[in-house]
Amino acid sequence: MLAERDNPPELFPADCPLDGDGGLWWVARVRPRQEKALAWDLLRASVSYFLPMYEAVRRSRQRSWKTKLPLFAGYLFFRGQENQRLGALKTGRVADLLAVHDQQQLVRELTAIQRLIESGIGVDPYPALRRGVRCRIRSGPLQGIEGKVAQRRARSRFVVEVGILGQGAAVTIDGSLLEPVD
């Protein structure tokens, strides 16, 4: 069961169009696992933001549960004036702010993402976990292991290499358990 109290609304306020007045759009690169907390901070400050989320199933031992996770892990979009930009920085949750040079293009892209989410089809993240991208297993019995993606689908081929040998071992793993390694 999803704990809605833990999940801020994806778009605040609910009737806020992505392309209205209200300042410039910014992309906040947040500190690890701070997307929802920053969204709550912005909500309390009446700052418009967009935090697209997807539903994921998590497993631990014999138990599984559904949760909502940010579609773009580590990022939150918000719109505001200079004082709201500074307010977001003062939360201590923002690692960096990316200036959006083409506001209209970002609005088109975010509108498309919003439509995908609202469609109810089931959206999954498609991060830069392309073939050959170095990543880490986030949870489960293989948590913390680093390797490369050999094949990207719902179930990914994950390869752990022994570089000096030029060989490795591969497993098939749920792609949602992988995160890119910086």
N, C-alpha and C. Protein backbone atom coordinates (compact mmCIF):
# COMPACT_ATOMS: atom_id res chain seq x y z
N MET A 1 0.85 -1.18 0.00
CA MET A 1 0.00 0.00 0.00
C MET A 1 0.89 1.24 0.00
N LEU A 2 0.55 2.20 -0.86
CA LEU A 2 1.33 3.42 -0.93
C LEU A 2 1.01 4.31 0.26
N ALA A 3 2.01 4.87 0.85
CA ALA A 3 1.83 5.80 1.96
C ALA A 3 1.79 7.21 1.38
N GLU A 4 0.59 7.69 1.06
CA GLU A 4 0.44 8.99 0.41
C GLU A 4 0.95 10.13 1.28
N ARG A 5 0.92 9.94 2.59
CA ARG A 5 1.40 11.02 3.46
C ARG A 5 2.90 11.29 3.25
N ASP A 6 3.62 10.28 2.76
CA ASP A 6 5.05 10.44 2.52
C ASP A 6 5.36 11.05 1.16
N ASN A 7 4.37 11.04 0.27
CA ASN A 7 4.59 11.49 -1.10
C ASN A 7 3.95 12.85 -1.33
N PRO A 8 4.75 13.84 -1.64
CA PRO A 8 4.17 15.14 -1.96
C PRO A 8 3.46 15.05 -3.30
N PRO A 9 2.55 15.99 -3.58
CA PRO A 9 1.94 16.00 -4.91
C PRO A 9 3.04 16.17 -5.95
N GLU A 10 2.84 15.60 -7.15
CA GLU A 10 3.86 15.69 -8.19
C GLU A 10 3.98 17.10 -8.74
N LEU A 11 2.85 17.79 -8.81
CA LEU A 11 2.81 19.13 -9.37
C LEU A 11 2.04 20.03 -8.43
N PHE A 12 2.66 21.09 -7.96
CA PHE A 12 1.99 22.00 -7.03
C PHE A 12 1.92 23.38 -7.63
N PRO A 13 0.84 24.12 -7.49
CA PRO A 13 -0.45 23.61 -7.03
C PRO A 13 -1.10 22.75 -8.10
N ALA A 14 -2.16 22.03 -7.73
CA ALA A 14 -2.77 21.06 -8.65
C ALA A 14 -3.21 21.71 -9.95
N ASP A 15 -3.64 22.95 -9.90
CA ASP A 15 -4.10 23.62 -11.11
C ASP A 15 -3.01 24.47 -11.77
N CYS A 16 -1.78 24.30 -11.35
CA CYS A 16 -0.66 25.07 -11.88
C CYS A 16 -0.27 24.55 -13.26
N PRO A 17 -0.47 25.35 -14.31
CA PRO A 17 0.01 24.89 -15.61
C PRO A 17 1.53 24.99 -15.65
N LEU A 18 2.14 24.09 -16.37
CA LEU A 18 3.60 24.11 -16.47
C LEU A 18 4.10 25.37 -17.17
N ASP A 19 3.24 25.97 -18.02
CA ASP A 19 3.72 27.09 -18.84
C ASP A 19 3.07 28.42 -18.49
N GLY A 20 2.74 28.67 -17.24
CA GLY A 20 2.13 29.94 -16.85
C GLY A 20 3.15 30.93 -16.33
N ASP A 21 2.64 32.06 -15.84
CA ASP A 21 3.50 33.04 -15.20
C ASP A 21 3.93 32.49 -13.84
N GLY A 22 4.99 33.01 -13.31
CA GLY A 22 5.43 32.54 -12.00
C GLY A 22 6.93 32.44 -11.90
N GLY A 23 7.63 33.00 -12.86
CA GLY A 23 9.09 32.97 -12.81
C GLY A 23 9.67 31.97 -13.77
N LEU A 24 10.95 31.75 -13.61
CA LEU A 24 11.68 30.83 -14.47
C LEU A 24 11.68 29.43 -13.88
N TRP A 25 11.78 28.44 -14.76
CA TRP A 25 11.96 27.07 -14.32
C TRP A 25 13.44 26.83 -14.03
N TRP A 26 13.69 26.08 -12.97
CA TRP A 26 15.03 25.69 -12.56
C TRP A 26 15.05 24.19 -12.39
N VAL A 27 16.21 23.59 -12.54
CA VAL A 27 16.37 22.17 -12.27
C VAL A 27 17.29 22.07 -11.07
N ALA A 28 16.75 21.53 -9.98
CA ALA A 28 17.54 21.37 -8.76
C ALA A 28 18.13 19.96 -8.76
N ARG A 29 19.45 19.89 -8.71
CA ARG A 29 20.11 18.61 -8.47
C ARG A 29 20.22 18.51 -6.96
N VAL A 30 19.53 17.54 -6.40
CA VAL A 30 19.41 17.47 -4.94
C VAL A 30 20.41 16.51 -4.33
N ARG A 31 20.61 16.67 -3.07
CA ARG A 31 21.47 15.74 -2.33
C ARG A 31 20.79 14.37 -2.32
N PRO A 32 21.52 13.30 -2.06
CA PRO A 32 20.94 11.95 -2.14
C PRO A 32 19.65 11.80 -1.34
N ARG A 33 18.65 11.26 -2.00
CA ARG A 33 17.34 10.93 -1.42
C ARG A 33 16.65 12.13 -0.77
N GLN A 34 16.79 13.31 -1.38
CA GLN A 34 16.17 14.51 -0.83
C GLN A 34 15.08 15.09 -1.73
N GLU A 35 14.70 14.39 -2.80
CA GLU A 35 13.73 14.93 -3.74
C GLU A 35 12.39 15.23 -3.06
N LYS A 36 11.85 14.25 -2.35
CA LYS A 36 10.54 14.43 -1.70
C LYS A 36 10.60 15.47 -0.60
N ALA A 37 11.66 15.47 0.17
CA ALA A 37 11.79 16.45 1.25
C ALA A 37 11.85 17.86 0.68
N LEU A 38 12.58 18.05 -0.42
CA LEU A 38 12.63 19.38 -1.04
C LEU A 38 11.26 19.75 -1.58
N ALA A 39 10.53 18.79 -2.15
CA ALA A 39 9.18 19.07 -2.65
C ALA A 39 8.29 19.55 -1.50
N TRP A 40 8.37 18.89 -0.35
CA TRP A 40 7.58 19.32 0.81
C TRP A 40 7.99 20.74 1.24
N ASP A 41 9.29 21.03 1.24
CA ASP A 41 9.75 22.37 1.59
C ASP A 41 9.18 23.42 0.63
N LEU A 42 9.21 23.11 -0.67
CA LEU A 42 8.69 24.04 -1.67
C LEU A 42 7.18 24.20 -1.53
N LEU A 43 6.49 23.11 -1.23
CA LEU A 43 5.04 23.16 -1.03
C LEU A 43 4.69 24.10 0.12
N ARG A 44 5.42 23.97 1.22
CA ARG A 44 5.18 24.84 2.39
C ARG A 44 5.48 26.30 2.06
N ALA A 45 6.42 26.54 1.13
CA ALA A 45 6.77 27.91 0.75
C ALA A 45 5.94 28.41 -0.43
N SER A 46 4.95 27.63 -0.87
CA SER A 46 4.08 27.96 -2.00
C SER A 46 4.85 28.20 -3.29
N VAL A 47 5.88 27.40 -3.51
CA VAL A 47 6.67 27.47 -4.74
C VAL A 47 6.21 26.35 -5.66
N SER A 48 5.93 26.68 -6.92
CA SER A 48 5.49 25.67 -7.89
C SER A 48 6.66 24.75 -8.25
N TYR A 49 6.40 23.47 -8.28
CA TYR A 49 7.44 22.50 -8.63
C TYR A 49 6.82 21.35 -9.39
N PHE A 50 7.67 20.53 -9.98
CA PHE A 50 7.24 19.30 -10.65
C PHE A 50 8.20 18.20 -10.25
N LEU A 51 7.66 17.18 -9.59
CA LEU A 51 8.43 16.01 -9.18
C LEU A 51 7.72 14.78 -9.71
N PRO A 52 8.01 14.41 -10.96
CA PRO A 52 7.34 13.23 -11.52
C PRO A 52 7.81 11.97 -10.79
N MET A 53 6.84 11.10 -10.46
CA MET A 53 7.17 9.87 -9.74
C MET A 53 6.55 8.67 -10.44
N TYR A 54 7.13 7.51 -10.18
CA TYR A 54 6.60 6.26 -10.71
C TYR A 54 6.45 5.27 -9.57
N GLU A 55 5.59 4.29 -9.78
CA GLU A 55 5.36 3.27 -8.75
C GLU A 55 6.33 2.13 -8.96
N ALA A 56 6.98 1.73 -7.88
CA ALA A 56 7.94 0.63 -7.94
C ALA A 56 7.61 -0.38 -6.84
N VAL A 57 7.96 -1.61 -7.09
CA VAL A 57 7.78 -2.67 -6.09
C VAL A 57 9.14 -2.94 -5.48
N ARG A 58 9.21 -2.90 -4.19
CA ARG A 58 10.45 -3.17 -3.47
C ARG A 58 10.30 -4.50 -2.73
N ARG A 59 11.39 -5.22 -2.64
CA ARG A 59 11.37 -6.52 -1.97
C ARG A 59 12.47 -6.57 -0.91
N SER A 60 12.13 -7.20 0.20
CA SER A 60 13.10 -7.42 1.25
C SER A 60 12.74 -8.73 1.93
N ARG A 61 13.61 -9.68 1.80
CA ARG A 61 13.37 -11.02 2.35
C ARG A 61 12.09 -11.59 1.76
N GLN A 62 11.10 -11.87 2.60
CA GLN A 62 9.84 -12.47 2.11
C GLN A 62 8.74 -11.44 1.91
N ARG A 63 9.06 -10.17 2.01
CA ARG A 63 8.06 -9.12 1.98
C ARG A 63 8.25 -8.24 0.75
N SER A 64 7.15 -7.75 0.18
CA SER A 64 7.25 -6.78 -0.90
C SER A 64 6.22 -5.68 -0.66
N TRP A 65 6.49 -4.50 -1.17
CA TRP A 65 5.60 -3.37 -1.01
C TRP A 65 5.77 -2.43 -2.20
N LYS A 66 4.75 -1.59 -2.39
CA LYS A 66 4.77 -0.60 -3.46
C LYS A 66 5.16 0.74 -2.87
N THR A 67 5.92 1.49 -3.64
CA THR A 67 6.32 2.82 -3.22
C THR A 67 6.38 3.72 -4.45
N LYS A 68 6.37 5.00 -4.24
CA LYS A 68 6.56 5.94 -5.33
C LYS A 68 7.96 6.52 -5.23
N LEU A 69 8.65 6.51 -6.37
CA LEU A 69 10.01 7.02 -6.43
C LEU A 69 10.09 8.10 -7.50
N PRO A 70 11.01 9.05 -7.34
CA PRO A 70 11.19 10.08 -8.37
C PRO A 70 11.58 9.44 -9.70
N LEU A 71 10.93 9.89 -10.75
CA LEU A 71 11.23 9.38 -12.09
C LEU A 71 12.65 9.76 -12.50
N PHE A 72 13.09 10.93 -12.08
CA PHE A 72 14.44 11.39 -12.37
C PHE A 72 15.18 11.51 -11.04
N ALA A 73 15.75 10.42 -10.60
CA ALA A 73 16.40 10.38 -9.29
C ALA A 73 17.46 11.47 -9.19
N GLY A 74 17.38 12.23 -8.11
CA GLY A 74 18.36 13.28 -7.87
C GLY A 74 17.97 14.63 -8.44
N TYR A 75 16.79 14.74 -9.05
CA TYR A 75 16.40 16.01 -9.68
C TYR A 75 14.96 16.37 -9.34
N LEU A 76 14.73 17.67 -9.23
CA LEU A 76 13.40 18.23 -9.03
C LEU A 76 13.32 19.52 -9.85
N PHE A 77 12.20 19.76 -10.50
CA PHE A 77 12.00 20.97 -11.30
C PHE A 77 11.15 21.93 -10.50
N PHE A 78 11.53 23.20 -10.46
CA PHE A 78 10.69 24.18 -9.78
C PHE A 78 10.72 25.50 -10.52
N ARG A 79 9.68 26.30 -10.27
CA ARG A 79 9.54 27.58 -10.96
C ARG A 79 9.42 28.69 -9.93
N GLY A 80 10.21 29.72 -10.12
CA GLY A 80 10.12 30.82 -9.18
C GLY A 80 10.96 32.01 -9.56
N GLN A 81 10.80 33.04 -8.76
CA GLN A 81 11.57 34.26 -8.89
C GLN A 81 12.91 34.07 -8.17
N GLU A 82 13.72 35.08 -8.18
CA GLU A 82 15.06 35.00 -7.56
C GLU A 82 14.97 34.65 -6.07
N ASN A 83 14.02 35.24 -5.35
CA ASN A 83 13.92 34.95 -3.91
C ASN A 83 13.51 33.50 -3.66
N GLN A 84 12.73 32.91 -4.55
CA GLN A 84 12.36 31.51 -4.39
C GLN A 84 13.52 30.59 -4.76
N ARG A 85 14.31 31.01 -5.74
CA ARG A 85 15.52 30.25 -6.08
C ARG A 85 16.47 30.21 -4.88
N LEU A 86 16.67 31.39 -4.27
CA LEU A 86 17.53 31.45 -3.09
C LEU A 86 16.95 30.65 -1.93
N GLY A 87 15.63 30.68 -1.78
CA GLY A 87 14.97 29.90 -0.73
C GLY A 87 15.22 28.40 -0.90
N ALA A 88 15.16 27.93 -2.14
CA ALA A 88 15.43 26.51 -2.40
C ALA A 88 16.87 26.17 -2.01
N LEU A 89 17.79 27.05 -2.35
CA LEU A 89 19.20 26.81 -2.00
C LEU A 89 19.41 26.79 -0.49
N LYS A 90 18.67 27.62 0.23
CA LYS A 90 18.83 27.72 1.68
C LYS A 90 18.30 26.50 2.42
N THR A 91 17.55 25.64 1.75
CA THR A 91 17.03 24.44 2.43
C THR A 91 18.14 23.47 2.80
N GLY A 92 19.28 23.57 2.13
CA GLY A 92 20.37 22.64 2.37
C GLY A 92 20.18 21.31 1.65
N ARG A 93 19.10 21.19 0.90
CA ARG A 93 18.82 19.94 0.19
C ARG A 93 19.30 19.97 -1.25
N VAL A 94 19.66 21.16 -1.74
CA VAL A 94 20.06 21.32 -3.14
C VAL A 94 21.57 21.30 -3.25
N ALA A 95 22.08 20.42 -4.08
CA ALA A 95 23.52 20.35 -4.32
C ALA A 95 23.94 21.33 -5.40
N ASP A 96 23.05 21.56 -6.37
CA ASP A 96 23.37 22.44 -7.50
C ASP A 96 22.08 22.83 -8.18
N LEU A 97 22.08 24.00 -8.79
CA LEU A 97 20.94 24.44 -9.60
C LEU A 97 21.38 24.56 -11.03
N LEU A 98 20.61 23.98 -11.93
CA LEU A 98 20.90 24.08 -13.35
C LEU A 98 19.98 25.14 -13.95
N ALA A 99 20.58 26.12 -14.60
CA ALA A 99 19.78 27.15 -15.27
C ALA A 99 19.20 26.54 -16.54
N VAL A 100 17.96 26.86 -16.81
CA VAL A 100 17.28 26.35 -18.00
C VAL A 100 17.35 27.44 -19.07
N HIS A 101 18.12 27.19 -20.11
CA HIS A 101 18.31 28.20 -21.16
C HIS A 101 17.15 28.26 -22.13
N ASP A 102 16.47 27.15 -22.37
CA ASP A 102 15.31 27.12 -23.26
C ASP A 102 14.10 26.73 -22.43
N GLN A 103 13.45 27.72 -21.85
CA GLN A 103 12.30 27.49 -20.97
C GLN A 103 11.16 26.78 -21.71
N GLN A 104 10.90 27.18 -22.94
CA GLN A 104 9.80 26.58 -23.70
C GLN A 104 10.05 25.10 -23.98
N GLN A 105 11.27 24.76 -24.29
CA GLN A 105 11.61 23.36 -24.55
C GLN A 105 11.41 22.52 -23.29
N LEU A 106 11.85 23.04 -22.14
CA LEU A 106 11.66 22.31 -20.89
C LEU A 106 10.17 22.13 -20.60
N VAL A 107 9.38 23.17 -20.81
CA VAL A 107 7.94 23.07 -20.56
C VAL A 107 7.32 22.01 -21.47
N ARG A 108 7.72 21.96 -22.73
CA ARG A 108 7.21 20.93 -23.65
C ARG A 108 7.57 19.53 -23.15
N GLU A 109 8.82 19.36 -22.71
CA GLU A 109 9.26 18.05 -22.23
C GLU A 109 8.55 17.65 -20.94
N LEU A 110 8.42 18.59 -20.01
CA LEU A 110 7.74 18.28 -18.75
C LEU A 110 6.25 18.01 -18.97
N THR A 111 5.65 18.73 -19.92
CA THR A 111 4.24 18.49 -20.25
C THR A 111 4.08 17.08 -20.80
N ALA A 112 5.00 16.64 -21.63
CA ALA A 112 4.95 15.29 -22.18
C ALA A 112 5.09 14.26 -21.06
N ILE A 113 6.00 14.49 -20.13
CA ILE A 113 6.19 13.57 -18.99
C ILE A 113 4.91 13.53 -18.16
N GLN A 114 4.31 14.69 -17.91
CA GLN A 114 3.09 14.75 -17.13
C GLN A 114 1.97 13.95 -17.82
N ARG A 115 1.87 14.08 -19.12
CA ARG A 115 0.85 13.34 -19.87
C ARG A 115 1.09 11.83 -19.78
N LEU A 116 2.36 11.41 -19.86
CA LEU A 116 2.67 9.98 -19.72
C LEU A 116 2.22 9.46 -18.36
N ILE A 117 2.51 10.21 -17.32
CA ILE A 117 2.14 9.79 -15.97
C ILE A 117 0.63 9.73 -15.82
N GLU A 118 -0.06 10.75 -16.31
CA GLU A 118 -1.51 10.81 -16.19
C GLU A 118 -2.22 9.75 -17.02
N SER A 119 -1.54 9.20 -18.01
CA SER A 119 -2.15 8.20 -18.89
C SER A 119 -2.48 6.91 -18.15
N GLY A 120 -1.77 6.64 -17.06
CA GLY A 120 -1.99 5.43 -16.30
C GLY A 120 -1.37 4.19 -16.92
N ILE A 121 -0.57 4.37 -17.95
CA ILE A 121 0.04 3.24 -18.65
C ILE A 121 1.11 2.57 -17.80
N GLY A 122 1.73 3.29 -16.92
CA GLY A 122 2.82 2.73 -16.11
C GLY A 122 4.15 3.19 -16.66
N VAL A 123 4.68 4.20 -16.08
CA VAL A 123 5.92 4.81 -16.53
C VAL A 123 7.07 4.27 -15.69
N ASP A 124 8.15 3.95 -16.35
CA ASP A 124 9.37 3.51 -15.67
C ASP A 124 10.48 4.47 -16.03
N PRO A 125 11.43 4.66 -15.14
CA PRO A 125 12.55 5.53 -15.48
C PRO A 125 13.39 4.89 -16.58
N TYR A 126 13.90 5.72 -17.42
CA TYR A 126 14.84 5.24 -18.43
C TYR A 126 16.07 6.12 -18.32
N PRO A 127 16.82 5.94 -17.24
CA PRO A 127 17.98 6.79 -17.03
C PRO A 127 19.10 6.41 -18.00
N ALA A 128 20.20 7.01 -17.79
CA ALA A 128 21.34 6.78 -18.67
C ALA A 128 21.95 5.42 -18.41
N LEU A 129 21.12 4.43 -18.20
CA LEU A 129 21.64 3.07 -18.00
C LEU A 129 21.61 2.36 -19.34
N ARG A 130 22.27 2.95 -20.29
CA ARG A 130 22.41 2.34 -21.61
C ARG A 130 23.43 1.23 -21.53
N ARG A 131 23.48 0.48 -22.55
CA ARG A 131 24.46 -0.58 -22.65
C ARG A 131 25.86 0.01 -22.43
N GLY A 132 26.61 -0.59 -21.55
CA GLY A 132 27.97 -0.16 -21.29
C GLY A 132 28.11 0.85 -20.16
N VAL A 133 26.99 1.36 -19.63
CA VAL A 133 27.04 2.36 -18.55
C VAL A 133 27.35 1.67 -17.23
N ARG A 134 28.26 2.25 -16.47
CA ARG A 134 28.64 1.71 -15.16
C ARG A 134 27.54 2.02 -14.16
N CYS A 135 27.12 1.02 -13.38
CA CYS A 135 26.06 1.22 -12.41
C CYS A 135 26.27 0.34 -11.18
N ARG A 136 25.37 0.51 -10.21
CA ARG A 136 25.45 -0.20 -8.93
C ARG A 136 24.07 -0.77 -8.62
N ILE A 137 24.03 -1.92 -7.96
CA ILE A 137 22.77 -2.51 -7.53
C ILE A 137 22.36 -1.84 -6.23
N ARG A 138 21.13 -1.29 -6.21
CA ARG A 138 20.65 -0.49 -5.09
C ARG A 138 20.19 -1.29 -3.89
N SER A 139 19.58 -2.45 -4.12
CA SER A 139 19.04 -3.21 -2.98
C SER A 139 19.00 -4.69 -3.32
N GLY A 140 18.67 -5.47 -2.31
CA GLY A 140 18.60 -6.92 -2.48
C GLY A 140 19.89 -7.58 -2.06
N PRO A 141 20.00 -8.88 -2.32
CA PRO A 141 21.17 -9.63 -1.87
C PRO A 141 22.47 -9.21 -2.56
N LEU A 142 22.36 -8.53 -3.71
CA LEU A 142 23.56 -8.09 -4.44
C LEU A 142 23.83 -6.60 -4.24
N GLN A 143 23.19 -5.99 -3.29
CA GLN A 143 23.31 -4.55 -3.04
C GLN A 143 24.77 -4.11 -2.96
N GLY A 144 25.07 -3.00 -3.66
CA GLY A 144 26.40 -2.41 -3.60
C GLY A 144 27.35 -2.89 -4.68
N ILE A 145 27.01 -3.97 -5.38
CA ILE A 145 27.89 -4.47 -6.43
C ILE A 145 27.85 -3.52 -7.61
N GLU A 146 29.01 -3.20 -8.16
CA GLU A 146 29.11 -2.33 -9.32
C GLU A 146 29.47 -3.14 -10.54
N GLY A 147 28.96 -2.70 -11.67
CA GLY A 147 29.22 -3.37 -12.93
C GLY A 147 28.71 -2.53 -14.07
N LYS A 148 28.44 -3.17 -15.21
CA LYS A 148 27.95 -2.47 -16.39
C LYS A 148 26.68 -3.13 -16.91
N VAL A 149 25.86 -2.32 -17.56
CA VAL A 149 24.65 -2.83 -18.19
C VAL A 149 25.04 -3.41 -19.54
N ALA A 150 24.68 -4.68 -19.77
CA ALA A 150 24.97 -5.33 -21.04
C ALA A 150 23.76 -5.30 -21.96
N GLN A 151 22.56 -5.25 -21.38
CA GLN A 151 21.33 -5.25 -22.16
C GLN A 151 20.29 -4.51 -21.33
N ARG A 152 19.57 -3.56 -21.92
CA ARG A 152 18.60 -2.76 -21.16
C ARG A 152 17.18 -3.13 -21.53
N ARG A 153 16.44 -3.66 -20.60
CA ARG A 153 15.02 -3.98 -20.71
C ARG A 153 14.47 -3.95 -19.29
N ALA A 154 13.23 -4.42 -19.12
CA ALA A 154 12.69 -4.49 -17.76
C ALA A 154 13.61 -5.35 -16.90
N ARG A 155 14.12 -6.41 -17.50
CA ARG A 155 15.13 -7.24 -16.83
C ARG A 155 16.43 -6.99 -17.57
N SER A 156 17.40 -6.44 -16.90
CA SER A 156 18.67 -6.08 -17.53
C SER A 156 19.71 -7.16 -17.32
N ARG A 157 20.62 -7.24 -18.25
CA ARG A 157 21.80 -8.08 -18.07
C ARG A 157 22.83 -7.18 -17.41
N PHE A 158 23.28 -7.58 -16.26
CA PHE A 158 24.22 -6.80 -15.46
C PHE A 158 25.53 -7.57 -15.44
N VAL A 159 26.58 -6.90 -15.81
CA VAL A 159 27.88 -7.56 -15.94
C VAL A 159 28.86 -6.99 -14.93
N VAL A 160 29.50 -7.87 -14.20
CA VAL A 160 30.59 -7.48 -13.31
C VAL A 160 31.87 -7.96 -13.98
N GLU A 161 32.74 -7.01 -14.24
CA GLU A 161 33.97 -7.33 -14.97
C GLU A 161 35.18 -7.41 -14.05
N VAL A 162 36.09 -8.24 -14.45
CA VAL A 162 37.43 -8.27 -13.86
C VAL A 162 38.30 -7.67 -14.95
N GLY A 163 38.57 -6.37 -14.82
CA GLY A 163 39.23 -5.61 -15.88
C GLY A 163 40.56 -6.17 -16.34
N ILE A 164 41.37 -6.58 -15.40
CA ILE A 164 42.69 -7.06 -15.77
C ILE A 164 42.62 -8.33 -16.63
N LEU A 165 41.52 -9.10 -16.47
CA LEU A 165 41.35 -10.31 -17.25
C LEU A 165 40.59 -10.06 -18.55
N GLY A 166 39.84 -8.97 -18.58
CA GLY A 166 39.00 -8.72 -19.74
C GLY A 166 37.82 -9.68 -19.79
N GLN A 167 37.43 -10.22 -18.68
CA GLN A 167 36.32 -11.15 -18.59
C GLN A 167 35.43 -10.76 -17.44
N GLY A 168 34.25 -11.37 -17.37
CA GLY A 168 33.35 -11.04 -16.30
C GLY A 168 32.28 -12.08 -16.13
N ALA A 169 31.32 -11.77 -15.28
CA ALA A 169 30.18 -12.63 -15.03
C ALA A 169 28.93 -11.79 -15.19
N ALA A 170 27.84 -12.37 -15.72
CA ALA A 170 26.61 -11.63 -15.96
C ALA A 170 25.45 -12.27 -15.22
N VAL A 171 24.55 -11.43 -14.76
CA VAL A 171 23.30 -11.89 -14.16
C VAL A 171 22.17 -11.11 -14.80
N THR A 172 20.97 -11.67 -14.76
CA THR A 172 19.78 -10.95 -15.20
C THR A 172 19.15 -10.38 -13.95
N ILE A 173 18.86 -9.07 -13.98
CA ILE A 173 18.37 -8.38 -12.80
C ILE A 173 17.31 -7.37 -13.20
N ASP A 174 16.40 -7.07 -12.29
CA ASP A 174 15.38 -6.07 -12.52
C ASP A 174 16.07 -4.72 -12.72
N GLY A 175 15.81 -4.06 -13.85
CA GLY A 175 16.47 -2.80 -14.17
C GLY A 175 16.22 -1.70 -13.15
N SER A 176 15.09 -1.77 -12.41
CA SER A 176 14.80 -0.74 -11.42
C SER A 176 15.71 -0.82 -10.21
N LEU A 177 16.47 -1.91 -10.08
CA LEU A 177 17.40 -2.04 -8.95
C LEU A 177 18.75 -1.41 -9.25
N LEU A 178 18.94 -0.89 -10.45
CA LEU A 178 20.23 -0.33 -10.86
C LEU A 178 20.22 1.18 -10.77
N GLU A 179 21.35 1.73 -10.37
CA GLU A 179 21.53 3.19 -10.37
C GLU A 179 22.88 3.49 -10.97
N PRO A 180 22.97 4.60 -11.73
CA PRO A 180 24.25 4.93 -12.34
C PRO A 180 25.30 5.29 -11.30
N VAL A 181 26.55 4.98 -11.59
CA VAL A 181 27.67 5.33 -10.72
C VAL A 181 28.35 6.54 -11.35
N ASP A 182 28.52 7.57 -10.55
CA ASP A 182 29.16 8.81 -11.07
C ASP A 182 30.60 8.60 -11.40
